[in-house]
Amino acid sequence: MADKKHFNLSFIKNRREELSLTNQEMAEKLGYKNGSTYLKYENGTYLFKADTLPDLALALDCEIKDFFT
């Protein structure tokens, strides 16, 4: 039986900070209204939708698989 993968929000936050991207910049890259909306996704209040993951990976210069641990 395969191990279950979990979505790693801390990777997303750490990667964004490594790249010196603000919440507002991430919101613009993902088509969200403002930085506070993006922050709700990064904090886990809202869930990233599967169709957002390619854009998220592009914004963070990583692969989709990096979001899972």
Protein backbone atom coordinates (compact mmCIF):
# COMPACT_ATOMS: atom_id res chain seq x y z
CA MET A 1 0.00 0.00 0.00
CA ALA A 2 1.39 3.41 -1.01
CA ASP A 3 2.11 6.07 1.57
CA LYS A 4 -0.39 8.92 1.63
CA LYS A 5 0.92 12.26 0.48
CA HIS A 6 0.05 15.46 2.29
CA PHE A 7 -0.10 18.97 0.88
CA ASN A 8 2.81 20.92 2.34
CA LEU A 9 1.75 24.52 2.99
CA SER A 10 4.97 25.29 4.84
CA PHE A 11 6.94 24.46 1.67
CA ILE A 12 4.84 27.00 -0.25
CA LYS A 13 5.38 29.74 2.34
CA ASN A 14 9.11 29.02 2.69
CA ARG A 15 9.61 28.90 -1.08
CA ARG A 16 7.74 32.20 -1.54
CA GLU A 17 9.92 33.80 1.12
CA GLU A 18 13.10 32.35 -0.47
CA LEU A 19 12.11 34.04 -3.72
CA SER A 20 11.28 37.29 -1.87
CA LEU A 21 7.73 37.31 -3.25
CA THR A 22 5.02 39.17 -1.35
CA ASN A 23 1.50 37.88 -0.78
CA GLN A 24 0.29 40.55 -3.20
CA GLU A 25 2.70 39.39 -5.91
CA MET A 26 1.52 35.80 -5.45
CA ALA A 27 -2.11 36.94 -5.61
CA GLU A 28 -1.44 38.67 -8.92
CA LYS A 29 0.36 35.62 -10.35
CA LEU A 30 -2.55 33.35 -9.39
CA GLY A 31 -5.37 35.74 -10.33
CA TYR A 32 -6.61 36.35 -6.78
CA LYS A 33 -8.10 39.69 -5.79
CA ASN A 34 -5.48 40.69 -3.24
CA GLY A 35 -2.67 39.50 -0.99
CA SER A 36 -4.96 38.78 1.96
CA THR A 37 -6.94 36.35 -0.19
CA TYR A 38 -3.75 34.56 -1.22
CA LEU A 39 -2.64 34.43 2.42
CA LYS A 40 -5.81 32.48 3.30
CA TYR A 41 -4.72 29.80 0.83
CA GLU A 42 -1.15 29.76 2.11
CA ASN A 43 -2.36 29.46 5.71
CA GLY A 44 -4.82 26.67 4.88
CA THR A 45 -8.02 28.62 5.51
CA TYR A 46 -8.89 28.03 1.85
CA LEU A 47 -7.73 25.02 -0.17
CA PHE A 48 -5.73 25.40 -3.37
CA LYS A 49 -7.70 23.90 -6.25
CA ALA A 50 -5.97 21.32 -8.43
CA ASP A 51 -6.15 23.55 -11.51
CA THR A 52 -4.20 26.24 -9.60
CA LEU A 53 -1.20 23.99 -8.92
CA PRO A 54 0.53 24.45 -12.31
CA ASP A 55 0.42 28.26 -11.89
CA LEU A 56 1.57 27.96 -8.29
CA ALA A 57 4.51 25.79 -9.34
CA LEU A 58 5.41 28.27 -12.09
CA ALA A 59 5.25 31.21 -9.65
CA LEU A 60 7.44 29.38 -7.14
CA ASP A 61 9.82 27.93 -9.76
CA CYS A 62 9.29 24.37 -8.60
CA GLU A 63 7.42 21.22 -9.60
CA ILE A 64 3.92 20.25 -8.48
CA LYS A 65 5.33 17.18 -6.73
CA ASP A 66 7.27 19.54 -4.42
CA PHE A 67 3.96 20.55 -2.81
CA PHE A 68 3.45 17.06 -1.39
CA THR A 69 5.27 15.28 1.43
